[in-house]
Amino acid sequence: MRIAVIDMRDSDRWGERGFFQGTTGGMISQRMISATFMQVPVALDEQPLLDGLVLLYNGERIVPMDHTRLDLIQQPDNVAICSN
């Protein structure tokens, strides 16, 4: 199983106040970050780069928020795939 641990560094903690807040913005941020690191393929017969992703924020586990669940292990099945 291929699981990566990514520590997002944000010295101003701007992400807490802007990037992860709000229903739509929080969900889009979560999926965008997860899809970028896991490289979820568009084709159904291809495999993602990672099986799971653990995200840290400034070296610490991310606390549960109302609109994002970045505290959980991110999995490719939970990432929406957008294609034309």
N, C-alpha and C. Protein backbone atom coordinates (compact mmCIF):
# COMPACT_ATOMS: atom_id res chain seq x y z
N MET A 1 0.85 -1.18 0.00
CA MET A 1 0.00 0.00 0.00
C MET A 1 0.89 1.24 0.00
N ARG A 2 0.56 2.19 -0.84
CA ARG A 2 1.35 3.42 -0.99
C ARG A 2 0.59 4.58 -0.36
N ILE A 3 1.07 4.99 0.82
CA ILE A 3 0.45 6.12 1.52
C ILE A 3 1.51 7.18 1.75
N ALA A 4 1.22 8.40 1.36
CA ALA A 4 2.15 9.51 1.55
C ALA A 4 1.67 10.41 2.68
N VAL A 5 2.62 10.99 3.39
CA VAL A 5 2.32 11.99 4.42
C VAL A 5 2.83 13.32 3.89
N ILE A 6 1.93 14.28 3.74
CA ILE A 6 2.27 15.60 3.21
C ILE A 6 2.06 16.63 4.31
N ASP A 7 3.09 17.41 4.59
CA ASP A 7 3.01 18.46 5.59
C ASP A 7 2.89 19.80 4.87
N MET A 8 1.70 20.37 4.90
CA MET A 8 1.46 21.67 4.26
C MET A 8 1.91 22.76 5.23
N ARG A 9 2.89 23.54 4.83
CA ARG A 9 3.42 24.61 5.68
C ARG A 9 2.77 25.93 5.33
N ASP A 10 2.27 26.62 6.34
CA ASP A 10 1.56 27.88 6.16
C ASP A 10 1.85 28.75 7.38
N SER A 11 2.94 29.50 7.34
CA SER A 11 3.37 30.26 8.51
C SER A 11 2.35 31.32 8.92
N ASP A 12 1.59 31.85 7.98
CA ASP A 12 0.58 32.86 8.30
C ASP A 12 -0.76 32.23 8.66
N ARG A 13 -0.88 30.91 8.49
CA ARG A 13 -2.10 30.15 8.76
C ARG A 13 -3.29 30.70 7.97
N TRP A 14 -2.99 31.20 6.76
CA TRP A 14 -4.02 31.75 5.89
C TRP A 14 -5.01 30.67 5.45
N GLY A 15 -4.54 29.45 5.23
CA GLY A 15 -5.40 28.37 4.77
C GLY A 15 -6.55 28.09 5.72
N GLU A 16 -6.30 28.17 7.00
CA GLU A 16 -7.36 27.96 8.00
C GLU A 16 -8.49 28.97 7.84
N ARG A 17 -8.13 30.20 7.55
CA ARG A 17 -9.13 31.27 7.49
C ARG A 17 -9.79 31.39 6.13
N GLY A 18 -9.11 30.99 5.06
CA GLY A 18 -9.68 31.22 3.74
C GLY A 18 -9.83 30.00 2.87
N PHE A 19 -8.79 29.21 2.78
CA PHE A 19 -8.76 28.12 1.81
C PHE A 19 -9.65 26.95 2.21
N PHE A 20 -9.80 26.66 3.49
CA PHE A 20 -10.55 25.50 3.95
C PHE A 20 -11.93 25.86 4.51
N GLN A 21 -12.32 27.11 4.43
CA GLN A 21 -13.59 27.53 5.02
C GLN A 21 -14.71 27.55 3.98
N GLY A 22 -15.92 27.41 4.44
CA GLY A 22 -17.09 27.44 3.57
C GLY A 22 -17.41 26.07 3.01
N THR A 23 -18.68 25.83 2.74
CA THR A 23 -19.11 24.52 2.26
C THR A 23 -18.48 24.17 0.92
N THR A 24 -18.66 25.01 -0.07
CA THR A 24 -18.14 24.71 -1.40
C THR A 24 -16.63 24.85 -1.45
N GLY A 25 -16.10 25.93 -0.92
CA GLY A 25 -14.65 26.16 -0.95
C GLY A 25 -13.88 25.09 -0.21
N GLY A 26 -14.38 24.67 0.93
CA GLY A 26 -13.72 23.62 1.71
C GLY A 26 -13.71 22.29 0.97
N MET A 27 -14.84 21.93 0.36
CA MET A 27 -14.93 20.67 -0.38
C MET A 27 -14.02 20.69 -1.61
N ILE A 28 -14.03 21.79 -2.33
CA ILE A 28 -13.17 21.91 -3.52
C ILE A 28 -11.70 21.84 -3.12
N SER A 29 -11.33 22.53 -2.05
CA SER A 29 -9.94 22.51 -1.59
C SER A 29 -9.50 21.09 -1.23
N GLN A 30 -10.36 20.38 -0.50
CA GLN A 30 -10.04 19.01 -0.10
C GLN A 30 -9.83 18.12 -1.32
N ARG A 31 -10.74 18.18 -2.27
CA ARG A 31 -10.63 17.33 -3.46
C ARG A 31 -9.46 17.73 -4.35
N MET A 32 -9.22 19.03 -4.47
CA MET A 32 -8.13 19.49 -5.31
C MET A 32 -6.77 19.05 -4.75
N ILE A 33 -6.57 19.22 -3.46
CA ILE A 33 -5.32 18.81 -2.83
C ILE A 33 -5.14 17.30 -2.95
N SER A 34 -6.18 16.54 -2.65
CA SER A 34 -6.10 15.08 -2.71
C SER A 34 -5.83 14.59 -4.12
N ALA A 35 -6.56 15.10 -5.09
CA ALA A 35 -6.39 14.67 -6.48
C ALA A 35 -5.00 15.02 -7.01
N THR A 36 -4.49 16.18 -6.60
CA THR A 36 -3.16 16.60 -7.07
C THR A 36 -2.07 15.66 -6.57
N PHE A 37 -2.07 15.34 -5.31
CA PHE A 37 -1.02 14.47 -4.77
C PHE A 37 -1.20 13.01 -5.16
N MET A 38 -2.44 12.54 -5.25
CA MET A 38 -2.66 11.13 -5.58
C MET A 38 -2.62 10.87 -7.08
N GLN A 39 -2.74 11.95 -7.89
CA GLN A 39 -2.76 11.80 -9.35
C GLN A 39 -3.81 10.78 -9.77
N VAL A 40 -5.05 11.04 -9.36
CA VAL A 40 -6.17 10.16 -9.70
C VAL A 40 -6.37 10.20 -11.21
N PRO A 41 -6.33 9.05 -11.86
CA PRO A 41 -6.45 9.02 -13.32
C PRO A 41 -7.88 9.25 -13.79
N VAL A 42 -8.01 9.73 -15.01
CA VAL A 42 -9.33 9.93 -15.61
C VAL A 42 -9.84 8.60 -16.14
N ALA A 43 -8.96 7.80 -16.72
CA ALA A 43 -9.36 6.50 -17.28
C ALA A 43 -9.60 5.51 -16.14
N LEU A 44 -10.67 4.76 -16.24
CA LEU A 44 -11.04 3.82 -15.18
C LEU A 44 -10.09 2.64 -15.05
N ASP A 45 -9.34 2.32 -16.10
CA ASP A 45 -8.44 1.17 -16.06
C ASP A 45 -7.04 1.52 -15.55
N GLU A 46 -6.79 2.77 -15.20
CA GLU A 46 -5.50 3.20 -14.68
C GLU A 46 -5.56 3.28 -13.15
N GLN A 47 -4.41 3.16 -12.53
CA GLN A 47 -4.32 3.22 -11.07
C GLN A 47 -3.78 4.59 -10.63
N PRO A 48 -4.25 5.10 -9.48
CA PRO A 48 -3.69 6.36 -8.97
C PRO A 48 -2.26 6.15 -8.48
N LEU A 49 -1.52 7.25 -8.36
CA LEU A 49 -0.15 7.21 -7.88
C LEU A 49 -0.09 6.70 -6.44
N LEU A 50 -1.06 7.09 -5.61
CA LEU A 50 -1.08 6.72 -4.19
C LEU A 50 -2.38 6.02 -3.85
N ASP A 51 -2.34 5.17 -2.82
CA ASP A 51 -3.53 4.52 -2.30
C ASP A 51 -4.18 5.35 -1.18
N GLY A 52 -3.39 6.23 -0.60
CA GLY A 52 -3.91 7.05 0.48
C GLY A 52 -3.00 8.24 0.74
N LEU A 53 -3.54 9.21 1.42
CA LEU A 53 -2.82 10.45 1.66
C LEU A 53 -3.16 10.95 3.06
N VAL A 54 -2.14 11.21 3.87
CA VAL A 54 -2.33 11.80 5.19
C VAL A 54 -1.80 13.23 5.09
N LEU A 55 -2.65 14.17 5.42
CA LEU A 55 -2.27 15.57 5.34
C LEU A 55 -2.02 16.14 6.73
N LEU A 56 -0.91 16.84 6.88
CA LEU A 56 -0.59 17.57 8.10
C LEU A 56 -0.60 19.05 7.78
N TYR A 57 -0.83 19.87 8.78
CA TYR A 57 -0.84 21.32 8.61
C TYR A 57 0.13 21.90 9.62
N ASN A 58 1.24 22.42 9.13
CA ASN A 58 2.31 22.94 9.99
C ASN A 58 2.79 21.88 10.99
N GLY A 59 2.94 20.66 10.51
CA GLY A 59 3.48 19.57 11.32
C GLY A 59 2.50 18.88 12.24
N GLU A 60 1.23 19.26 12.21
CA GLU A 60 0.23 18.68 13.11
C GLU A 60 -0.93 18.10 12.32
N ARG A 61 -1.59 17.09 12.94
CA ARG A 61 -2.81 16.56 12.32
C ARG A 61 -3.82 17.69 12.18
N ILE A 62 -4.57 17.66 11.12
CA ILE A 62 -5.58 18.69 10.87
C ILE A 62 -6.81 18.38 11.71
N VAL A 63 -7.30 19.37 12.41
CA VAL A 63 -8.49 19.16 13.24
C VAL A 63 -9.72 19.08 12.34
N PRO A 64 -10.73 18.29 12.72
CA PRO A 64 -11.95 18.22 11.91
C PRO A 64 -12.58 19.61 11.77
N MET A 65 -13.02 19.93 10.57
CA MET A 65 -13.69 21.20 10.32
C MET A 65 -15.10 20.91 9.81
N ASP A 66 -15.93 21.92 9.81
CA ASP A 66 -17.32 21.73 9.38
C ASP A 66 -17.45 21.30 7.93
N HIS A 67 -16.59 21.81 7.05
CA HIS A 67 -16.80 21.61 5.62
C HIS A 67 -15.72 20.79 4.92
N THR A 68 -14.70 20.40 5.63
CA THR A 68 -13.66 19.54 5.06
C THR A 68 -13.32 18.45 6.05
N ARG A 69 -12.91 17.31 5.54
CA ARG A 69 -12.47 16.21 6.40
C ARG A 69 -11.03 15.87 6.06
N LEU A 70 -10.17 16.87 6.14
CA LEU A 70 -8.75 16.65 5.88
C LEU A 70 -8.06 15.94 7.02
N ASP A 71 -8.77 15.71 8.13
CA ASP A 71 -8.20 14.97 9.25
C ASP A 71 -8.20 13.47 8.99
N LEU A 72 -8.98 13.02 8.01
CA LEU A 72 -9.05 11.60 7.67
C LEU A 72 -8.02 11.24 6.61
N ILE A 73 -7.73 9.94 6.47
CA ILE A 73 -6.88 9.50 5.37
C ILE A 73 -7.65 9.69 4.08
N GLN A 74 -7.08 10.44 3.16
CA GLN A 74 -7.72 10.69 1.88
C GLN A 74 -7.49 9.46 0.98
N GLN A 75 -8.53 9.03 0.29
CA GLN A 75 -8.44 7.87 -0.58
C GLN A 75 -8.92 8.24 -1.98
N PRO A 76 -8.38 7.58 -3.01
CA PRO A 76 -8.77 7.92 -4.39
C PRO A 76 -10.27 7.82 -4.63
N ASP A 77 -10.95 6.89 -3.99
CA ASP A 77 -12.39 6.73 -4.19
C ASP A 77 -13.19 7.95 -3.75
N ASN A 78 -12.63 8.75 -2.86
CA ASN A 78 -13.33 9.92 -2.33
C ASN A 78 -13.06 11.19 -3.13
N VAL A 79 -12.25 11.08 -4.17
CA VAL A 79 -11.88 12.25 -4.96
C VAL A 79 -12.71 12.23 -6.25
N ALA A 80 -13.45 13.28 -6.48
CA ALA A 80 -14.25 13.37 -7.71
C ALA A 80 -13.33 13.56 -8.90
N ILE A 81 -13.61 12.83 -9.96
CA ILE A 81 -12.83 12.93 -11.19
C ILE A 81 -13.61 13.78 -12.18
N CYS A 82 -12.99 14.83 -12.65
CA CYS A 82 -13.64 15.72 -13.63
C CYS A 82 -12.96 15.55 -14.97
N SER A 83 -13.74 15.34 -15.98
CA SER A 83 -13.18 15.25 -17.34
C SER A 83 -14.20 15.79 -18.31
N ASN A 84 -13.73 16.14 -19.49
CA ASN A 84 -14.61 16.67 -20.54
C ASN A 84 -15.05 15.54 -21.44
